[in-house]
Amino acid sequence: MYARAESMGSIGVTSQLWSPAAFASHNVGSTATVALYCGLMLGLGIYHLLLGGLLRNRNYLLYGNHLLLFMLAAANACGLLLLRNLYAGKRFPTPGARCSVGWH
């Protein structure tokens, strides 16, 4: 049995019991959403770094660095950076990892 608790305020907490299939389905969807977001951030970061390099504009380089570092922080918070688990054949990068950046 899996349990998930969400807080809509500082005091109130609601809980919902999930079946294993529903929990796995939600976990796959959440991981896919964060991976898509990180992929878009990676593309935009590389684009801005290339644009900054070609135009010799420091602002594009700084913004590209900001995007890439934020993408790494978001991926790390959700457990997507632990590639050693992917090579071991595990389905999720980090067992039991919860994304703590607010995309639920």
PDB file of N, CA and C in Angstrom:
ATOM      1  N   MET A   1       0.845  -1.159   0.000  1.00  0.00           N
ATOM      2  CA  MET A   1       0.000   0.000   0.000  1.00  0.00           C
ATOM      3  C   MET A   1       0.898   1.232   0.000  1.00  0.00           C
ATOM      4  N   TYR A   2       0.548   2.211  -0.810  1.00  0.00           N
ATOM      5  CA  TYR A   2       1.277   3.469  -0.879  1.00  0.00           C
ATOM      6  C   TYR A   2       0.386   4.585  -0.359  1.00  0.00           C
ATOM      7  N   ALA A   3       0.940   5.486   0.365  1.00  0.00           N
ATOM      8  CA  ALA A   3       0.198   6.631   0.883  1.00  0.00           C
ATOM      9  C   ALA A   3       0.874   7.908   0.417  1.00  0.00           C
ATOM     10  N   ARG A   4       0.038   8.886   0.091  1.00  0.00           N
ATOM     11  CA  ARG A   4       0.557  10.181  -0.340  1.00  0.00           C
ATOM     12  C   ARG A   4      -0.207  11.254   0.410  1.00  0.00           C
ATOM     13  N   ALA A   5       0.509  12.213   0.980  1.00  0.00           N
ATOM     14  CA  ALA A   5      -0.125  13.297   1.725  1.00  0.00           C
ATOM     15  C   ALA A   5       0.216  14.621   1.064  1.00  0.00           C
ATOM     16  N   GLU A   6      -0.786  15.491   0.920  1.00  0.00           N
ATOM     17  CA  GLU A   6      -0.591  16.823   0.361  1.00  0.00           C
ATOM     18  C   GLU A   6      -1.098  17.855   1.345  1.00  0.00           C
ATOM     19  N   SER A   7      -0.407  18.948   1.462  1.00  0.00           N
ATOM     20  CA  SER A   7      -0.819  20.024   2.341  1.00  0.00           C
ATOM     21  C   SER A   7      -1.223  21.229   1.504  1.00  0.00           C
ATOM     22  N   MET A   8      -2.435  21.665   1.659  1.00  0.00           N
ATOM     23  CA  MET A   8      -2.916  22.844   0.932  1.00  0.00           C
ATOM     24  C   MET A   8      -2.689  24.111   1.746  1.00  0.00           C
ATOM     25  N   GLY A   9      -2.281  23.982   2.963  1.00  0.00           N
ATOM     26  CA  GLY A   9      -2.004  25.125   3.828  1.00  0.00           C
ATOM     27  C   GLY A   9      -0.945  24.744   4.837  1.00  0.00           C
ATOM     28  N   SER A  10      -0.770  25.582   5.810  1.00  0.00           N
ATOM     29  CA  SER A  10       0.265  25.289   6.791  1.00  0.00           C
ATOM     30  C   SER A  10      -0.183  24.259   7.824  1.00  0.00           C
ATOM     31  N   ILE A  11      -1.498  24.067   7.988  1.00  0.00           N
ATOM     32  CA  ILE A  11      -1.965  23.137   9.017  1.00  0.00           C
ATOM     33  C   ILE A  11      -2.712  21.946   8.415  1.00  0.00           C
ATOM     34  N   GLY A  12      -3.583  22.210   7.459  1.00  0.00           N
ATOM     35  CA  GLY A  12      -4.436  21.154   6.915  1.00  0.00           C
ATOM     36  C   GLY A  12      -3.676  20.191   6.023  1.00  0.00           C
ATOM     37  N   VAL A  13      -3.837  18.891   6.278  1.00  0.00           N
ATOM     38  CA  VAL A  13      -3.201  17.853   5.476  1.00  0.00           C
ATOM     39  C   VAL A  13      -4.272  16.847   5.095  1.00  0.00           C
ATOM     40  N   THR A  14      -4.372  16.578   3.808  1.00  0.00           N
ATOM     41  CA  THR A  14      -5.289  15.539   3.339  1.00  0.00           C
ATOM     42  C   THR A  14      -4.459  14.358   2.873  1.00  0.00           C
ATOM     43  N   SER A  15      -5.021  13.184   2.978  1.00  0.00           N
ATOM     44  CA  SER A  15      -4.286  12.003   2.533  1.00  0.00           C
ATOM     45  C   SER A  15      -5.147  11.223   1.546  1.00  0.00           C
ATOM     46  N   GLN A  16      -4.471  10.490   0.693  1.00  0.00           N
ATOM     47  CA  GLN A  16      -5.150   9.694  -0.313  1.00  0.00           C
ATOM     48  C   GLN A  16      -4.407   8.377  -0.452  1.00  0.00           C
ATOM     49  N   LEU A  17      -5.132   7.275  -0.412  1.00  0.00           N
ATOM     50  CA  LEU A  17      -4.518   5.964  -0.590  1.00  0.00           C
ATOM     51  C   LEU A  17      -4.499   5.631  -2.073  1.00  0.00           C
ATOM     52  N   TRP A  18      -3.362   5.170  -2.551  1.00  0.00           N
ATOM     53  CA  TRP A  18      -3.186   4.857  -3.965  1.00  0.00           C
ATOM     54  C   TRP A  18      -2.931   3.368  -4.133  1.00  0.00           C
ATOM     55  N   SER A  19      -3.451   2.819  -5.195  1.00  0.00           N
ATOM     56  CA  SER A  19      -3.091   1.443  -5.544  1.00  0.00           C
ATOM     57  C   SER A  19      -1.699   1.478  -6.165  1.00  0.00           C
ATOM     58  N   PRO A  20      -0.997   0.364  -6.172  1.00  0.00           N
ATOM     59  CA  PRO A  20       0.343   0.358  -6.773  1.00  0.00           C
ATOM     60  C   PRO A  20       0.348   0.806  -8.238  1.00  0.00           C
ATOM     61  N   ALA A  21      -0.673   0.410  -8.998  1.00  0.00           N
ATOM     62  CA  ALA A  21      -0.729   0.792 -10.414  1.00  0.00           C
ATOM     63  C   ALA A  21      -0.958   2.299 -10.567  1.00  0.00           C
ATOM     64  N   ALA A  22      -1.830   2.873  -9.744  1.00  0.00           N
ATOM     65  CA  ALA A  22      -2.092   4.309  -9.825  1.00  0.00           C
ATOM     66  C   ALA A  22      -0.874   5.122  -9.397  1.00  0.00           C
ATOM     67  N   PHE A  23      -0.179   4.643  -8.363  1.00  0.00           N
ATOM     68  CA  PHE A  23       1.011   5.348  -7.912  1.00  0.00           C
ATOM     69  C   PHE A  23       2.106   5.311  -8.975  1.00  0.00           C
ATOM     70  N   ALA A  24       2.323   4.151  -9.584  1.00  0.00           N
ATOM     71  CA  ALA A  24       3.339   4.028 -10.633  1.00  0.00           C
ATOM     72  C   ALA A  24       2.980   4.901 -11.831  1.00  0.00           C
ATOM     73  N   SER A  25       1.699   4.943 -12.175  1.00  0.00           N
ATOM     74  CA  SER A  25       1.256   5.783 -13.290  1.00  0.00           C
ATOM     75  C   SER A  25       1.502   7.253 -12.996  1.00  0.00           C
ATOM     76  N   HIS A  26       1.193   7.688 -11.785  1.00  0.00           N
ATOM     77  CA  HIS A  26       1.425   9.085 -11.416  1.00  0.00           C
ATOM     78  C   HIS A  26       2.911   9.395 -11.381  1.00  0.00           C
ATOM     79  N   ASN A  27       3.719   8.469 -10.870  1.00  0.00           N
ATOM     80  CA  ASN A  27       5.157   8.684 -10.764  1.00  0.00           C
ATOM     81  C   ASN A  27       5.797   8.788 -12.150  1.00  0.00           C
ATOM     82  N   VAL A  28       5.338   7.972 -13.107  1.00  0.00           N
ATOM     83  CA  VAL A  28       5.861   8.041 -14.473  1.00  0.00           C
ATOM     84  C   VAL A  28       5.482   9.381 -15.101  1.00  0.00           C
ATOM     85  N   GLY A  29       4.245   9.812 -14.916  1.00  0.00           N
ATOM     86  CA  GLY A  29       3.810  11.086 -15.475  1.00  0.00           C
ATOM     87  C   GLY A  29       4.558  12.266 -14.888  1.00  0.00           C
ATOM     88  N   SER A  30       4.786  12.250 -13.591  1.00  0.00           N
ATOM     89  CA  SER A  30       5.505  13.326 -12.931  1.00  0.00           C
ATOM     90  C   SER A  30       6.957  13.374 -13.394  1.00  0.00           C
ATOM     91  N   THR A  31       7.595  12.211 -13.487  1.00  0.00           N
ATOM     92  CA  THR A  31       8.981  12.156 -13.941  1.00  0.00           C
ATOM     93  C   THR A  31       9.093  12.599 -15.391  1.00  0.00           C
ATOM     94  N   ALA A  32       8.152  12.212 -16.224  1.00  0.00           N
ATOM     95  CA  ALA A  32       8.171  12.624 -17.628  1.00  0.00           C
ATOM     96  C   ALA A  32       7.989  14.131 -17.765  1.00  0.00           C
ATOM     97  N   THR A  33       7.136  14.727 -16.944  1.00  0.00           N
ATOM     98  CA  THR A  33       6.923  16.174 -16.993  1.00  0.00           C
ATOM     99  C   THR A  33       8.187  16.927 -16.600  1.00  0.00           C
ATOM    100  N   VAL A  34       8.831  16.487 -15.549  1.00  0.00           N
ATOM    101  CA  VAL A  34      10.065  17.148 -15.108  1.00  0.00           C
ATOM    102  C   VAL A  34      11.173  16.931 -16.129  1.00  0.00           C
ATOM    103  N   ALA A  35      11.267  15.746 -16.727  1.00  0.00           N
ATOM    104  CA  ALA A  35      12.283  15.485 -17.741  1.00  0.00           C
ATOM    105  C   ALA A  35      12.055  16.351 -18.973  1.00  0.00           C
ATOM    106  N   LEU A  36      10.802  16.547 -19.367  1.00  0.00           N
ATOM    107  CA  LEU A  36      10.491  17.432 -20.493  1.00  0.00           C
ATOM    108  C   LEU A  36      10.889  18.866 -20.177  1.00  0.00           C
ATOM    109  N   TYR A  37      10.568  19.313 -18.981  1.00  0.00           N
ATOM    110  CA  TYR A  37      10.928  20.671 -18.558  1.00  0.00           C
ATOM    111  C   TYR A  37      12.448  20.851 -18.556  1.00  0.00           C
ATOM    112  N   CYS A  38      13.166  19.865 -18.027  1.00  0.00           N
ATOM    113  CA  CYS A  38      14.622  19.961 -17.995  1.00  0.00           C
ATOM    114  C   CYS A  38      15.210  19.916 -19.396  1.00  0.00           C
ATOM    115  N   GLY A  39      14.627  19.145 -20.289  1.00  0.00           N
ATOM    116  CA  GLY A  39      15.089  19.111 -21.676  1.00  0.00           C
ATOM    117  C   GLY A  39      14.908  20.450 -22.375  1.00  0.00           C
ATOM    118  N   LEU A  40      13.769  21.091 -22.129  1.00  0.00           N
ATOM    119  CA  LEU A  40      13.546  22.418 -22.707  1.00  0.00           C
ATOM    120  C   LEU A  40      14.525  23.441 -22.146  1.00  0.00           C
ATOM    121  N   MET A  41      14.775  23.362 -20.845  1.00  0.00           N
ATOM    122  CA  MET A  41      15.745  24.276 -20.235  1.00  0.00           C
ATOM    123  C   MET A  41      17.149  24.030 -20.794  1.00  0.00           C
ATOM    124  N   LEU A  42      17.495  22.788 -21.018  1.00  0.00           N
ATOM    125  CA  LEU A  42      18.799  22.465 -21.583  1.00  0.00           C
ATOM    126  C   LEU A  42      18.934  23.051 -22.981  1.00  0.00           C
ATOM    127  N   GLY A  43      17.904  22.880 -23.810  1.00  0.00           N
ATOM    128  CA  GLY A  43      17.929  23.429 -25.163  1.00  0.00           C
ATOM    129  C   GLY A  43      18.040  24.942 -25.171  1.00  0.00           C
ATOM    130  N   LEU A  44      17.250  25.595 -24.328  1.00  0.00           N
ATOM    131  CA  LEU A  44      17.324  27.059 -24.261  1.00  0.00           C
ATOM    132  C   LEU A  44      18.663  27.540 -23.734  1.00  0.00           C
ATOM    133  N   GLY A  45      19.228  26.824 -22.772  1.00  0.00           N
ATOM    134  CA  GLY A  45      20.524  27.208 -22.230  1.00  0.00           C
ATOM    135  C   GLY A  45      21.622  27.106 -23.267  1.00  0.00           C
ATOM    136  N   ILE A  46      21.633  25.994 -24.007  1.00  0.00           N
ATOM    137  CA  ILE A  46      22.647  25.829 -25.059  1.00  0.00           C
ATOM    138  C   ILE A  46      22.463  26.868 -26.155  1.00  0.00           C
ATOM    139  N   TYR A  47      21.212  27.136 -26.522  1.00  0.00           N
ATOM    140  CA  TYR A  47      20.928  28.153 -27.539  1.00  0.00           C
ATOM    141  C   TYR A  47      21.477  29.518 -27.109  1.00  0.00           C
ATOM    142  N   HIS A  48      21.225  29.912 -25.865  1.00  0.00           N
ATOM    143  CA  HIS A  48      21.689  31.210 -25.397  1.00  0.00           C
ATOM    144  C   HIS A  48      23.213  31.261 -25.259  1.00  0.00           C
ATOM    145  N   LEU A  49      23.829  30.153 -24.890  1.00  0.00           N
ATOM    146  CA  LEU A  49      25.290  30.128 -24.835  1.00  0.00           C
ATOM    147  C   LEU A  49      25.897  30.274 -26.232  1.00  0.00           C
ATOM    148  N   LEU A  50      25.323  29.573 -27.214  1.00  0.00           N
ATOM    149  CA  LEU A  50      25.813  29.708 -28.582  1.00  0.00           C
ATOM    150  C   LEU A  50      25.576  31.110 -29.124  1.00  0.00           C
ATOM    151  N   LEU A  51      24.399  31.644 -28.869  1.00  0.00           N
ATOM    152  CA  LEU A  51      24.080  32.994 -29.322  1.00  0.00           C
ATOM    153  C   LEU A  51      25.002  34.018 -28.666  1.00  0.00           C
ATOM    154  N   GLY A  52      25.251  33.864 -27.389  1.00  0.00           N
ATOM    155  CA  GLY A  52      26.156  34.772 -26.691  1.00  0.00           C
ATOM    156  C   GLY A  52      27.570  34.682 -27.212  1.00  0.00           C
ATOM    157  N   GLY A  53      28.001  33.463 -27.558  1.00  0.00           N
ATOM    158  CA  GLY A  53      29.336  33.298 -28.110  1.00  0.00           C
ATOM    159  C   GLY A  53      29.477  33.903 -29.493  1.00  0.00           C
ATOM    160  N   LEU A  54      28.449  33.728 -30.313  1.00  0.00           N
ATOM    161  CA  LEU A  54      28.510  34.280 -31.668  1.00  0.00           C
ATOM    162  C   LEU A  54      28.403  35.803 -31.682  1.00  0.00           C
ATOM    163  N   LEU A  55      27.539  36.349 -30.841  1.00  0.00           N
ATOM    164  CA  LEU A  55      27.334  37.800 -30.811  1.00  0.00           C
ATOM    165  C   LEU A  55      28.295  38.514 -29.870  1.00  0.00           C
ATOM    166  N   ARG A  56      29.067  37.744 -29.100  1.00  0.00           N
ATOM    167  CA  ARG A  56      29.970  38.311 -28.091  1.00  0.00           C
ATOM    168  C   ARG A  56      29.206  39.188 -27.098  1.00  0.00           C
ATOM    169  N   ASN A  57      28.038  38.705 -26.703  1.00  0.00           N
ATOM    170  CA  ASN A  57      27.186  39.438 -25.773  1.00  0.00           C
ATOM    171  C   ASN A  57      27.216  38.715 -24.429  1.00  0.00           C
ATOM    172  N   ARG A  58      27.675  39.400 -23.417  1.00  0.00           N
ATOM    173  CA  ARG A  58      27.822  38.813 -22.085  1.00  0.00           C
ATOM    174  C   ARG A  58      26.471  38.449 -21.468  1.00  0.00           C
ATOM    175  N   ASN A  59      25.426  39.219 -21.765  1.00  0.00           N
ATOM    176  CA  ASN A  59      24.109  38.950 -21.176  1.00  0.00           C
ATOM    177  C   ASN A  59      23.555  37.607 -21.621  1.00  0.00           C
ATOM    178  N   TYR A  60      23.737  37.242 -22.884  1.00  0.00           N
ATOM    179  CA  TYR A  60      23.274  35.935 -23.345  1.00  0.00           C
ATOM    180  C   TYR A  60      24.053  34.807 -22.663  1.00  0.00           C
ATOM    181  N   LEU A  61      25.351  35.011 -22.488  1.00  0.00           N
ATOM    182  CA  LEU A  61      26.164  33.996 -21.813  1.00  0.00           C
ATOM    183  C   LEU A  61      25.737  33.814 -20.356  1.00  0.00           C
ATOM    184  N   LEU A  62      25.483  34.908 -19.675  1.00  0.00           N
ATOM    185  CA  LEU A  62      25.046  34.819 -18.280  1.00  0.00           C
ATOM    186  C   LEU A  62      23.668  34.159 -18.177  1.00  0.00           C
ATOM    187  N   TYR A  63      22.768  34.508 -19.094  1.00  0.00           N
ATOM    188  CA  TYR A  63      21.430  33.911 -19.057  1.00  0.00           C
ATOM    189  C   TYR A  63      21.499  32.419 -19.400  1.00  0.00           C
ATOM    190  N   GLY A  64      22.345  32.059 -20.352  1.00  0.00           N
ATOM    191  CA  GLY A  64      22.516  30.642 -20.685  1.00  0.00           C
ATOM    192  C   GLY A  64      23.062  29.853 -19.504  1.00  0.00           C
ATOM    193  N   ASN A  65      24.035  30.423 -18.798  1.00  0.00           N
ATOM    194  CA  ASN A  65      24.554  29.771 -17.589  1.00  0.00           C
ATOM    195  C   ASN A  65      23.474  29.630 -16.529  1.00  0.00           C
ATOM    196  N   HIS A  66      22.673  30.669 -16.355  1.00  0.00           N
ATOM    197  CA  HIS A  66      21.589  30.626 -15.372  1.00  0.00           C
ATOM    198  C   HIS A  66      20.605  29.513 -15.712  1.00  0.00           C
ATOM    199  N   LEU A  67      20.225  29.394 -16.970  1.00  0.00           N
ATOM    200  CA  LEU A  67      19.286  28.350 -17.370  1.00  0.00           C
ATOM    201  C   LEU A  67      19.858  26.956 -17.125  1.00  0.00           C
ATOM    202  N   LEU A  68      21.116  26.763 -17.487  1.00  0.00           N
ATOM    203  CA  LEU A  68      21.719  25.440 -17.308  1.00  0.00           C
ATOM    204  C   LEU A  68      21.870  25.075 -15.831  1.00  0.00           C
ATOM    205  N   LEU A  69      22.270  26.027 -15.010  1.00  0.00           N
ATOM    206  CA  LEU A  69      22.409  25.740 -13.584  1.00  0.00           C
ATOM    207  C   LEU A  69      21.061  25.490 -12.925  1.00  0.00           C
ATOM    208  N   PHE A  70      20.024  26.236 -13.328  1.00  0.00           N
ATOM    209  CA  PHE A  70      18.693  26.002 -12.782  1.00  0.00           C
ATOM    210  C   PHE A  70      18.168  24.637 -13.219  1.00  0.00           C
ATOM    211  N   MET A  71      18.448  24.257 -14.465  1.00  0.00           N
ATOM    212  CA  MET A  71      18.028  22.947 -14.950  1.00  0.00           C
ATOM    213  C   MET A  71      18.712  21.845 -14.150  1.00  0.00           C
ATOM    214  N   LEU A  72      19.996  21.994 -13.873  1.00  0.00           N
ATOM    215  CA  LEU A  72      20.701  20.995 -13.072  1.00  0.00           C
ATOM    216  C   LEU A  72      20.149  20.917 -11.652  1.00  0.00           C
ATOM    217  N   ALA A  73      19.818  22.064 -11.068  1.00  0.00           N
ATOM    218  CA  ALA A  73      19.248  22.071  -9.716  1.00  0.00           C
ATOM    219  C   ALA A  73      17.882  21.391  -9.695  1.00  0.00           C
ATOM    220  N   ALA A  74      17.047  21.669 -10.693  1.00  0.00           N
ATOM    221  CA  ALA A  74      15.713  21.053 -10.745  1.00  0.00           C
ATOM    222  C   ALA A  74      15.815  19.548 -10.976  1.00  0.00           C
ATOM    223  N   ALA A  75      16.710  19.126 -11.861  1.00  0.00           N
ATOM    224  CA  ALA A  75      16.881  17.696 -12.121  1.00  0.00           C
ATOM    225  C   ALA A  75      17.437  16.982 -10.890  1.00  0.00           C
ATOM    226  N   ASN A  76      18.335  17.628 -10.187  1.00  0.00           N
ATOM    227  CA  ASN A  76      18.893  17.028  -8.979  1.00  0.00           C
ATOM    228  C   ASN A  76      17.839  16.925  -7.877  1.00  0.00           C
ATOM    229  N   ALA A  77      16.989  17.930  -7.744  1.00  0.00           N
ATOM    230  CA  ALA A  77      15.949  17.905  -6.716  1.00  0.00           C
ATOM    231  C   ALA A  77      14.953  16.776  -6.952  1.00  0.00           C
ATOM    232  N   CYS A  78      14.773  16.396  -8.201  1.00  0.00           N
ATOM    233  CA  CYS A  78      13.820  15.329  -8.528  1.00  0.00           C
ATOM    234  C   CYS A  78      14.479  13.965  -8.657  1.00  0.00           C
ATOM    235  N   GLY A  79      15.799  13.902  -8.503  1.00  0.00           N
ATOM    236  CA  GLY A  79      16.487  12.621  -8.579  1.00  0.00           C
ATOM    237  C   GLY A  79      16.794  12.160  -9.981  1.00  0.00           C
ATOM    238  N   LEU A  80      16.786  13.047 -10.956  1.00  0.00           N
ATOM    239  CA  LEU A  80      17.042  12.649 -12.338  1.00  0.00           C
ATOM    240  C   LEU A  80      18.526  12.585 -12.677  1.00  0.00           C
ATOM    241  N   LEU A  81      19.402  13.014 -11.805  1.00  0.00           N
ATOM    242  CA  LEU A  81      20.827  13.060 -12.123  1.00  0.00           C
ATOM    243  C   LEU A  81      21.597  11.827 -11.688  1.00  0.00           C
ATOM    244  N   LEU A  82      20.966  10.903 -11.016  1.00  0.00           N
ATOM    245  CA  LEU A  82      21.667   9.710 -10.553  1.00  0.00           C
ATOM    246  C   LEU A  82      21.642   8.649 -11.650  1.00  0.00           C
ATOM    247  N   LEU A  83      22.564   8.761 -12.587  1.00  0.00           N
ATOM    248  CA  LEU A  83      22.568   7.885 -13.756  1.00  0.00           C
ATOM    249  C   LEU A  83      23.039   6.479 -13.434  1.00  0.00           C
ATOM    250  N   ARG A  84      23.717   6.293 -12.303  1.00  0.00           N
ATOM    251  CA  ARG A  84      24.191   4.955 -11.969  1.00  0.00           C
ATOM    252  C   ARG A  84      23.030   3.989 -11.787  1.00  0.00           C
ATOM    253  N   ASN A  85      21.871   4.479 -11.361  1.00  0.00           N
ATOM    254  CA  ASN A  85      20.702   3.616 -11.208  1.00  0.00           C
ATOM    255  C   ASN A  85      20.103   3.255 -12.561  1.00  0.00           C
ATOM    256  N   LEU A  86      20.214   4.157 -13.539  1.00  0.00           N
ATOM    257  CA  LEU A  86      19.684   3.850 -14.865  1.00  0.00           C
ATOM    258  C   LEU A  86      20.488   2.736 -15.528  1.00  0.00           C
ATOM    259  N   TYR A  87      21.811   2.729 -15.310  1.00  0.00           N
ATOM    260  CA  TYR A  87      22.636   1.685 -15.894  1.00  0.00           C
ATOM    261  C   TYR A  87      22.386   0.336 -15.227  1.00  0.00           C
ATOM    262  N   ALA A  88      21.873   0.344 -14.016  1.00  0.00           N
ATOM    263  CA  ALA A  88      21.580  -0.903 -13.310  1.00  0.00           C
ATOM    264  C   ALA A  88      20.231  -1.485 -13.733  1.00  0.00           C
ATOM    265  N   GLY A  89      19.502  -0.802 -14.631  1.00  0.00           N
ATOM    266  CA  GLY A  89      18.229  -1.312 -15.127  1.00  0.00           C
ATOM    267  C   GLY A  89      17.035  -0.953 -14.271  1.00  0.00           C
ATOM    268  N   LYS A  90      17.182  -0.008 -13.363  1.00  0.00           N
ATOM    269  CA  LYS A  90      16.053   0.382 -12.525  1.00  0.00           C
ATOM    270  C   LYS A  90      15.139   1.314 -13.308  1.00  0.00           C
ATOM    271  N   ARG A  91      13.851   1.256 -13.019  1.00  0.00           N
ATOM    272  CA  ARG A  91      12.879   2.037 -13.771  1.00  0.00           C
ATOM    273  C   ARG A  91      12.961   3.516 -13.447  1.00  0.00           C
ATOM    274  N   PHE A  92      13.090   3.871 -12.188  1.00  0.00           N
ATOM    275  CA  PHE A  92      13.152   5.266 -11.785  1.00  0.00           C
ATOM    276  C   PHE A  92      14.573   5.600 -11.366  1.00  0.00           C
ATOM    277  N   PRO A  93      15.042   6.806 -11.645  1.00  0.00           N
ATOM    278  CA  PRO A  93      16.415   7.164 -11.295  1.00  0.00           C
ATOM    279  C   PRO A  93      16.732   7.017  -9.812  1.00  0.00           C
ATOM    280  N   THR A  94      15.839   7.452  -8.950  1.00  0.00           N
ATOM    281  CA  THR A  94      16.060   7.341  -7.521  1.00  0.00           C
ATOM    282  C   THR A  94      14.816   6.729  -6.882  1.00  0.00           C
ATOM    283  N   PRO A  95      14.918   5.543  -6.305  1.00  0.00           N
ATOM    284  CA  PRO A  95      13.741   4.939  -5.688  1.00  0.00           C
ATOM    285  C   PRO A  95      13.207   5.813  -4.557  1.00  0.00           C
ATOM    286  N   GLY A  96      11.926   6.120  -4.599  1.00  0.00           N
ATOM    287  CA  GLY A  96      11.294   6.900  -3.553  1.00  0.00           C
ATOM    288  C   GLY A  96      11.566   8.387  -3.632  1.00  0.00           C
ATOM    289  N   ALA A  97      12.179   8.865  -4.708  1.00  0.00           N
ATOM    290  CA  ALA A  97      12.491  10.296  -4.817  1.00  0.00           C
ATOM    291  C   ALA A  97      11.216  11.089  -5.051  1.00  0.00           C
ATOM    292  N   ARG A  98      11.133  12.227  -4.393  1.00  0.00           N
ATOM    293  CA  ARG A  98       9.997  13.130  -4.590  1.00  0.00           C
ATOM    294  C   ARG A  98      10.535  14.417  -5.153  1.00  0.00           C
ATOM    295  N   CYS A  99       9.883  14.885  -6.173  1.00  0.00           N
ATOM    296  CA  CYS A  99      10.282  16.161  -6.752  1.00  0.00           C
ATOM    297  C   CYS A  99       9.862  17.269  -5.805  1.00  0.00           C
ATOM    298  N   SER A 100      10.816  18.073  -5.369  1.00  0.00           N
ATOM    299  CA  SER A 100      10.511  19.101  -4.366  1.00  0.00           C
ATOM    300  C   SER A 100      10.530  20.501  -4.947  1.00  0.00           C
ATOM    301  N   VAL A 101      10.384  20.616  -6.261  1.00  0.00           N
ATOM    302  CA  VAL A 101      10.405  21.944  -6.860  1.00  0.00           C
ATOM    303  C   VAL A 101       9.007  22.460  -7.167  1.00  0.00           C
ATOM    304  N   GLY A 102       7.975  21.732  -6.800  1.00  0.00           N
ATOM    305  CA  GLY A 102       6.605  22.249  -6.861  1.00  0.00           C
ATOM    306  C   GLY A 102       5.824  21.879  -8.105  1.00  0.00           C
ATOM    307  N   TRP A 103       6.237  20.864  -8.881  1.00  0.00           N
ATOM    308  CA  TRP A 103       5.478  20.462 -10.065  1.00  0.00           C
ATOM    309  C   TRP A 103       4.676  19.225  -9.761  1.00  0.00           C
ATOM    310  N   HIS A 104       3.639  19.336  -8.959  1.00  0.00           N
ATOM    311  CA  HIS A 104       2.820  18.169  -8.632  1.00  0.00           C
ATOM    312  C   HIS A 104       1.421  18.418  -9.104  1.00  0.00           C
TER     313      HIS A 104
END
